Amino acid sequence: MKKLLIIFVSIVVVGAINFLIYQDYQSSNSEKDKQVGQLDKLRVQAGWLLNGEFANVCSAIVNGYYEEEELDVELIPGGPAGFSFIIATNAVAQDQSLDIAIDGDIIPLLRGITKESKTEQLKMKAFAAFWNENPFGFIVRKDSGITSLKDFALKRKTDGSKIKVGITADSVIQYAIADYAGVSVEDLDLTIVGYDTSSFLADQVDALAAYWTTQAYEVEKAGIDYIFLSASELPGFSQPSMIAIARNEILKNKSDQLIRWLKATIKGSEFVIQNPEEAARQILDPRCGGPNFEIVQEKWLIEKSVPIFDEARIGWIYKDQIMDFAEAYNNLNQIPRIPEVDELLDYSILNQIYK
């Protein structure tokens, strides 16, 4: 009887212990589920493929910086999508499930908020910018003798012919270049090309409108010595890139979430600046670009972009730079008017970061 009693008591004690362990496990999991459920969801639309341009957001995701701010951030690719092209600003304007656009330049926002029909005007503003320079410009061969955008009009090749300039069908920069050089646009030798480098690699053009973040890598890979002439050389054409944009109601109703998002993204930017190789590896995370991207190319892109972060005030938008560009773009008759600063920019989020 004593043995049976001891066995019975042992079974009861072990059962009680297991029950308590199970209850603790359930309670722990329940608390974790509760914490996960409490994360604020933000969906971020990128203006291009999720390559090294978006390394700061990617690193903030992979390193858990957003979770530290109680955010669940989803990064969504833009750029080519079948027969269409996803522009982040326009996508966020139209899709209420998206919260933030990160676009390559300010142009879609400028066009959207200055539409003559008020019903078509975008109700959005830029609230941060991570790169202080736009990566758009022209690639020329180093031995071409071309050192300025003015040279497209004012120089001739050794055979006396004009410099052949490759631009895309939607380009307007040729008008600014002609004005800069003091000639008419008809004085330029322009050729319509695609978005790749094939025309430049085949010597069909002497200068190619391109982004150093993409096409310049292809030129380097082909072993061609080149010079990149930034569009910022044109008066008023300096503008930032990697611009964070949100609808007005998001800026008003989710300001706390945007502040936390910007804090974590700044932390991600600091990580990228200090750890470009690790940041490049993180691009291959499925939540970012994915395993089809190449670490070597992404590291190249990240290292190229580090100098255009404003390390003292990461994320800051410089009002004069933006408004000078708006004026220059208006002078090209691309928008019907120059918007007011408070139509275009919202400093409420940045002012909370940089008090």
Protein backbone atom coordinates (compact mmCIF):
# COMPACT_ATOMS: atom_id res chain seq x y z
CA MET A 1 0.00 0.00 0.00
CA LYS A 2 2.79 2.39 0.89
CA LYS A 3 4.48 1.71 -2.46
CA LEU A 4 1.22 2.28 -4.31
CA LEU A 5 0.63 5.48 -2.37
CA ILE A 6 4.13 6.72 -3.16
CA ILE A 7 3.64 5.90 -6.86
CA PHE A 8 0.25 7.63 -6.87
CA VAL A 9 1.64 10.74 -5.17
CA SER A 10 4.59 10.80 -7.62
CA ILE A 11 2.24 10.61 -10.58
CA VAL A 12 0.14 13.44 -9.17
CA VAL A 13 3.22 15.61 -8.48
CA VAL A 14 4.76 14.97 -11.92
CA GLY A 15 1.41 15.67 -13.53
CA ALA A 16 1.07 18.89 -11.59
CA ILE A 17 4.57 19.97 -12.59
CA ASN A 18 3.93 19.18 -16.26
CA PHE A 19 0.63 21.04 -16.09
CA LEU A 20 2.38 24.10 -14.63
CA ILE A 21 5.11 23.89 -17.29
CA TYR A 22 2.46 23.61 -20.00
CA GLN A 23 0.52 26.53 -18.55
CA ASP A 24 3.72 28.59 -18.43
CA TYR A 25 4.51 27.60 -22.03
CA GLN A 26 1.00 28.52 -23.15
CA SER A 27 1.18 31.78 -21.23
CA SER A 28 4.57 32.58 -22.76
CA ASN A 29 3.32 31.84 -26.28
CA SER A 30 0.16 33.79 -25.63
CA GLU A 31 2.23 36.76 -24.51
CA LYS A 32 4.41 36.46 -27.63
CA ASP A 33 1.31 36.25 -29.84
CA LYS A 34 -0.06 39.27 -28.07
CA GLN A 35 3.16 41.19 -28.64
CA VAL A 36 3.24 40.23 -32.33
CA GLY A 37 -0.40 41.21 -32.65
CA GLN A 38 0.35 44.59 -31.15
CA LEU A 39 2.94 45.50 -33.80
CA ASP A 40 1.69 48.33 -35.99
CA LYS A 41 1.66 47.29 -39.65
CA LEU A 42 3.16 49.63 -42.25
CA ARG A 43 3.32 48.76 -45.95
CA VAL A 44 6.10 50.55 -47.80
CA GLN A 45 6.00 50.79 -51.60
CA ALA A 46 9.42 51.07 -53.26
CA GLY A 47 9.88 52.91 -56.54
CA TRP A 48 12.18 50.25 -57.98
CA LEU A 49 13.27 46.64 -57.54
CA LEU A 50 14.35 45.88 -53.98
CA ASN A 51 18.07 46.21 -54.63
CA GLY A 52 20.77 48.09 -52.70
CA GLU A 53 18.94 51.39 -53.15
CA PHE A 54 16.61 50.22 -50.39
CA ALA A 55 19.34 48.73 -48.21
CA ASN A 56 18.50 50.99 -45.26
CA VAL A 57 14.91 49.73 -45.09
CA CYS A 58 16.04 46.14 -45.73
CA SER A 59 18.63 46.27 -42.93
CA ALA A 60 16.08 47.80 -40.58
CA ILE A 61 13.80 44.83 -41.32
CA VAL A 62 16.47 42.12 -41.06
CA ASN A 63 18.14 43.57 -37.96
CA GLY A 64 14.84 44.00 -36.15
CA TYR A 65 15.00 47.78 -35.84
CA TYR A 66 11.33 48.14 -36.80
CA GLU A 67 10.26 45.52 -34.28
CA GLU A 68 12.15 47.47 -31.62
CA GLU A 69 9.84 50.37 -32.54
CA GLU A 70 6.82 48.00 -32.38
CA LEU A 71 6.34 48.06 -36.13
CA ASP A 72 5.75 45.31 -38.67
CA VAL A 73 7.10 46.75 -41.94
CA GLU A 74 6.51 45.15 -45.33
CA LEU A 75 8.67 46.37 -48.24
CA ILE A 76 7.00 46.02 -51.65
CA PRO A 77 8.92 46.14 -54.96
CA GLY A 78 8.18 48.72 -57.66
CA GLY A 79 9.64 49.37 -61.08
CA PRO A 80 8.94 47.02 -64.04
CA ALA A 81 5.92 44.79 -63.49
CA GLY A 82 4.97 42.90 -66.62
CA PHE A 83 3.85 45.45 -69.20
CA SER A 84 3.41 48.20 -66.59
CA PHE A 85 5.70 50.21 -64.33
CA ILE A 86 4.97 50.75 -60.64
CA ILE A 87 5.75 54.32 -59.55
CA ALA A 88 5.71 54.40 -55.76
CA THR A 89 4.08 57.83 -55.39
CA ASN A 90 1.19 56.99 -57.70
CA ALA A 91 0.72 53.54 -56.18
CA VAL A 92 0.39 54.93 -52.64
CA ALA A 93 -1.96 57.66 -53.87
CA GLN A 94 -4.29 55.04 -55.35
CA ASP A 95 -3.98 52.12 -52.93
CA GLN A 96 -5.29 52.78 -49.42
CA SER A 97 -3.55 49.64 -48.10
CA LEU A 98 -0.15 51.27 -48.73
CA ASP A 99 1.24 53.74 -46.21
CA ILE A 100 4.58 55.06 -47.45
CA ALA A 101 6.17 55.56 -50.89
CA ILE A 102 9.93 55.62 -51.33
CA ASP A 103 10.52 57.11 -54.76
CA GLY A 104 13.64 57.87 -56.76
CA ASP A 105 12.81 61.52 -57.28
CA ILE A 106 10.28 64.26 -56.55
CA ILE A 107 8.86 64.43 -60.10
CA PRO A 108 5.76 62.18 -59.68
CA LEU A 109 4.79 64.16 -56.58
CA LEU A 110 5.33 67.50 -58.31
CA ARG A 111 3.21 66.44 -61.25
CA GLY A 112 0.52 65.03 -59.01
CA ILE A 113 -0.02 67.94 -56.65
CA THR A 114 0.06 70.61 -59.39
CA LYS A 115 -2.57 69.07 -61.69
CA GLU A 116 -4.94 71.78 -62.87
CA SER A 117 -8.04 69.77 -61.97
CA LYS A 118 -8.41 69.79 -58.18
CA THR A 119 -10.17 66.42 -58.26
CA GLU A 120 -7.03 64.89 -59.83
CA GLN A 121 -4.52 66.52 -57.48
CA LEU A 122 -2.61 64.13 -55.23
CA LYS A 123 -3.11 64.80 -51.53
CA MET A 124 0.40 63.76 -50.53
CA LYS A 125 3.63 65.24 -49.21
CA ALA A 126 7.29 64.29 -48.88
CA PHE A 127 8.37 63.91 -45.26
CA ALA A 128 11.95 62.59 -45.52
CA ALA A 129 14.75 61.97 -48.05
CA PHE A 130 17.70 59.61 -47.60
CA TRP A 131 19.99 60.49 -50.52
CA ASN A 132 21.00 64.12 -51.08
CA GLU A 133 21.65 63.55 -54.78
CA ASN A 134 19.67 61.92 -57.55
CA PRO A 135 21.56 59.14 -59.37
CA PHE A 136 20.37 60.27 -62.82
CA GLY A 137 22.74 61.73 -65.40
CA PHE A 138 24.78 60.68 -68.44
CA ILE A 139 27.49 58.09 -68.95
CA VAL A 140 30.32 59.02 -71.37
CA ARG A 141 33.55 57.27 -72.19
CA LYS A 142 36.52 58.61 -70.30
CA ASP A 143 38.56 59.07 -73.50
CA SER A 144 35.74 60.94 -75.29
CA GLY A 145 36.89 64.37 -74.12
CA ILE A 146 33.37 65.09 -72.81
CA THR A 147 33.58 66.58 -69.32
CA SER A 148 30.36 68.62 -69.07
CA LEU A 149 26.75 68.42 -70.20
CA LYS A 150 27.42 71.62 -72.18
CA ASP A 151 29.81 69.63 -74.34
CA PHE A 152 26.85 67.80 -75.91
CA ALA A 153 26.13 71.02 -77.83
CA LEU A 154 29.46 72.82 -77.89
CA LYS A 155 31.97 70.10 -78.76
CA ARG A 156 32.49 68.03 -81.88
CA LYS A 157 34.05 64.62 -82.34
CA THR A 158 37.38 64.23 -84.15
CA ASP A 159 35.54 63.66 -87.44
CA GLY A 160 33.64 66.93 -86.98
CA SER A 161 30.29 65.28 -86.24
CA LYS A 162 28.08 66.11 -83.27
CA ILE A 163 28.09 64.13 -80.06
CA LYS A 164 25.26 61.61 -80.26
CA VAL A 165 23.19 61.66 -77.07
CA GLY A 166 20.97 58.71 -76.14
CA ILE A 167 17.77 59.57 -74.26
CA THR A 168 14.55 57.69 -73.50
CA ALA A 169 11.27 58.54 -75.20
CA ASP A 170 9.86 60.26 -72.08
CA SER A 171 12.92 62.44 -71.49
CA VAL A 172 12.69 66.23 -71.05
CA ILE A 173 16.21 66.85 -69.78
CA GLN A 174 17.42 67.69 -73.30
CA TYR A 175 15.58 71.03 -73.07
CA ALA A 176 17.40 71.91 -69.87
CA ILE A 177 20.75 70.89 -71.42
CA ALA A 178 20.11 73.05 -74.50
CA ASP A 179 19.19 76.02 -72.31
CA TYR A 180 22.28 75.43 -70.17
CA ALA A 181 24.51 75.44 -73.26
CA GLY A 182 22.76 78.47 -74.79
CA VAL A 183 21.51 76.65 -77.89
CA SER A 184 18.20 75.29 -79.15
CA VAL A 185 17.31 71.67 -78.58
CA GLU A 186 17.53 71.12 -82.36
CA ASP A 187 21.27 71.73 -82.09
CA LEU A 188 21.65 68.51 -80.10
CA ASP A 189 22.05 65.16 -81.86
CA LEU A 190 19.48 63.09 -79.96
CA THR A 191 18.71 59.39 -80.34
CA ILE A 192 15.87 57.55 -78.61
CA VAL A 193 17.17 54.50 -76.75
CA GLY A 194 15.87 51.95 -74.26
CA TYR A 195 16.63 51.73 -70.55
CA ASP A 196 19.58 49.38 -70.95
CA THR A 197 23.20 50.04 -71.97
CA SER A 198 23.19 48.16 -75.28
CA SER A 199 23.31 51.31 -77.43
CA PHE A 200 26.26 52.67 -75.44
CA LEU A 201 28.17 49.37 -75.39
CA ALA A 202 27.70 49.06 -79.17
CA ASP A 203 29.03 52.62 -79.76
CA GLN A 204 25.70 53.73 -81.20
CA VAL A 205 25.67 56.73 -78.84
CA ASP A 206 28.47 58.77 -77.27
CA ALA A 207 26.50 59.74 -74.16
CA LEU A 208 23.76 57.71 -72.50
CA ALA A 209 21.06 58.98 -70.15
CA ALA A 210 21.36 56.58 -67.23
CA TYR A 211 21.35 55.94 -63.50
CA TRP A 212 24.70 55.18 -61.93
CA THR A 213 22.88 52.78 -59.59
CA THR A 214 22.10 50.40 -62.46
CA GLN A 215 23.47 51.14 -65.93
CA ALA A 216 26.87 52.28 -64.67
CA TYR A 217 27.43 48.83 -63.15
CA GLU A 218 26.82 47.24 -66.55
CA VAL A 219 29.37 49.60 -68.13
CA GLU A 220 31.96 48.79 -65.47
CA LYS A 221 31.29 45.09 -65.89
CA ALA A 222 31.99 45.49 -69.62
CA GLY A 223 35.42 46.93 -68.70
CA ILE A 224 34.78 50.42 -70.12
CA ASP A 225 36.39 53.42 -68.45
CA TYR A 226 33.69 56.06 -68.12
CA ILE A 227 32.72 59.36 -66.53
CA PHE A 228 29.30 59.95 -65.00
CA LEU A 229 27.94 63.47 -65.58
CA SER A 230 25.24 64.14 -63.00
CA ALA A 231 22.05 65.98 -63.95
CA SER A 232 22.78 68.08 -60.85
CA GLU A 233 25.23 70.01 -63.01
CA LEU A 234 22.23 71.76 -64.57
CA PRO A 235 21.14 74.90 -62.70
CA GLY A 236 18.29 73.99 -60.35
CA PHE A 237 18.43 70.29 -61.24
CA SER A 238 19.90 69.15 -57.95
CA GLN A 239 17.28 67.10 -56.14
CA PRO A 240 17.30 64.37 -53.50
CA SER A 241 16.49 60.71 -54.03
CA MET A 242 15.02 57.91 -51.93
CA ILE A 243 12.23 60.29 -50.93
CA ALA A 244 9.65 59.15 -48.36
CA ILE A 245 6.13 60.28 -49.26
CA ALA A 246 2.77 59.71 -47.59
CA ARG A 247 -0.84 60.70 -48.10
CA ASN A 248 -2.01 63.63 -46.00
CA GLU A 249 -4.33 61.49 -43.87
CA ILE A 250 -1.45 59.11 -43.05
CA LEU A 251 0.72 62.06 -42.01
CA LYS A 252 -2.09 63.21 -39.75
CA ASN A 253 -3.47 59.95 -38.37
CA LYS A 254 -0.34 57.79 -38.25
CA SER A 255 2.25 60.41 -37.30
CA ASP A 256 3.49 58.38 -34.31
CA GLN A 257 4.03 55.33 -36.53
CA LEU A 258 5.85 57.44 -39.14
CA ILE A 259 8.14 58.88 -36.45
CA ARG A 260 8.99 55.36 -35.27
CA TRP A 261 9.46 54.20 -38.86
CA LEU A 262 11.84 57.07 -39.60
CA LYS A 263 13.84 56.45 -36.40
CA ALA A 264 14.33 52.79 -37.34
CA THR A 265 15.12 53.62 -40.99
CA ILE A 266 17.76 56.14 -39.87
CA LYS A 267 19.25 53.36 -37.73
CA GLY A 268 19.16 51.11 -40.81
CA SER A 269 20.92 53.83 -42.82
CA GLU A 270 23.66 54.08 -40.18
CA PHE A 271 24.11 50.30 -40.34
CA VAL A 272 24.41 50.41 -44.15
CA ILE A 273 27.00 53.20 -44.02
CA GLN A 274 29.12 51.29 -41.51
CA ASN A 275 28.58 47.76 -42.87
CA PRO A 276 28.12 47.84 -46.68
CA GLU A 277 29.09 44.21 -47.21
CA GLU A 278 26.72 42.85 -44.57
CA ALA A 279 23.99 45.20 -45.85
CA ALA A 280 24.54 43.74 -49.35
CA ARG A 281 24.06 40.20 -48.00
CA GLN A 282 20.86 41.29 -46.31
CA ILE A 283 19.41 42.33 -49.70
CA LEU A 284 19.18 38.58 -50.44
CA ASP A 285 16.72 38.12 -47.57
CA PRO A 286 13.27 37.06 -48.91
CA ARG A 287 11.72 40.07 -47.16
CA CYS A 288 13.94 42.29 -49.34
CA GLY A 289 15.26 41.62 -52.83
CA GLY A 290 15.62 37.88 -52.42
CA PRO A 291 18.27 35.29 -53.37
CA ASN A 292 18.27 36.18 -57.09
CA PHE A 293 20.22 39.38 -56.42
CA GLU A 294 24.03 39.39 -56.53
CA ILE A 295 25.98 40.38 -53.43
CA VAL A 296 28.84 41.84 -55.50
CA GLN A 297 26.54 44.19 -57.43
CA GLU A 298 24.60 45.22 -54.33
CA LYS A 299 27.81 45.93 -52.40
CA TRP A 300 29.01 48.04 -55.35
CA LEU A 301 25.76 50.02 -55.34
CA ILE A 302 25.76 50.50 -51.57
CA GLU A 303 29.37 51.68 -51.47
CA LYS A 304 28.62 54.14 -54.30
CA SER A 305 25.64 55.53 -52.41
CA VAL A 306 27.29 55.99 -48.99
CA PRO A 307 28.74 59.45 -49.84
CA ILE A 308 25.30 60.85 -50.70
CA PHE A 309 23.81 60.12 -47.29
CA ASP A 310 23.81 63.21 -45.10
CA GLU A 311 25.29 61.45 -42.07
CA ALA A 312 24.73 64.45 -39.80
CA ARG A 313 20.98 64.56 -40.51
CA ILE A 314 19.94 61.36 -42.23
CA GLY A 315 16.47 61.74 -43.71
CA TRP A 316 16.42 65.53 -43.78
CA ILE A 317 14.80 67.33 -46.74
CA TYR A 318 16.41 70.57 -47.85
CA LYS A 319 13.63 72.96 -48.77
CA ASP A 320 15.71 75.23 -51.03
CA GLN A 321 16.99 72.27 -53.05
CA ILE A 322 13.46 70.98 -53.59
CA MET A 323 11.96 74.36 -54.48
CA ASP A 324 14.83 75.23 -56.85
CA PHE A 325 14.14 71.99 -58.69
CA ALA A 326 10.40 72.72 -58.77
CA GLU A 327 11.16 76.09 -60.37
CA ALA A 328 13.55 74.56 -62.92
CA TYR A 329 11.01 71.84 -63.77
CA ASN A 330 8.28 74.44 -64.16
CA ASN A 331 10.53 76.42 -66.52
CA LEU A 332 10.56 73.35 -68.76
CA ASN A 333 6.73 73.57 -68.87
CA GLN A 334 6.43 70.17 -67.21
CA ILE A 335 4.13 71.42 -64.43
CA PRO A 336 1.55 74.23 -64.65
CA ARG A 337 2.82 76.09 -61.59
CA ILE A 338 5.36 76.06 -58.77
CA PRO A 339 3.66 74.67 -55.66
CA GLU A 340 3.87 76.24 -52.23
CA VAL A 341 6.30 74.62 -49.80
CA ASP A 342 3.54 73.33 -47.52
CA GLU A 343 1.80 71.69 -50.50
CA LEU A 344 4.89 69.65 -51.22
CA LEU A 345 6.75 69.09 -47.93
CA ASP A 346 5.76 68.06 -44.41
CA TYR A 347 8.36 68.63 -41.68
CA SER A 348 6.26 67.43 -38.75
CA ILE A 349 7.93 63.99 -38.67
CA LEU A 350 11.49 65.24 -39.14
CA ASN A 351 11.01 67.91 -36.50
CA GLN A 352 10.22 65.20 -33.95
CA ILE A 353 13.42 63.36 -34.86
CA TYR A 354 15.72 66.38 -34.92
CA LYS A 355 14.39 68.46 -32.04
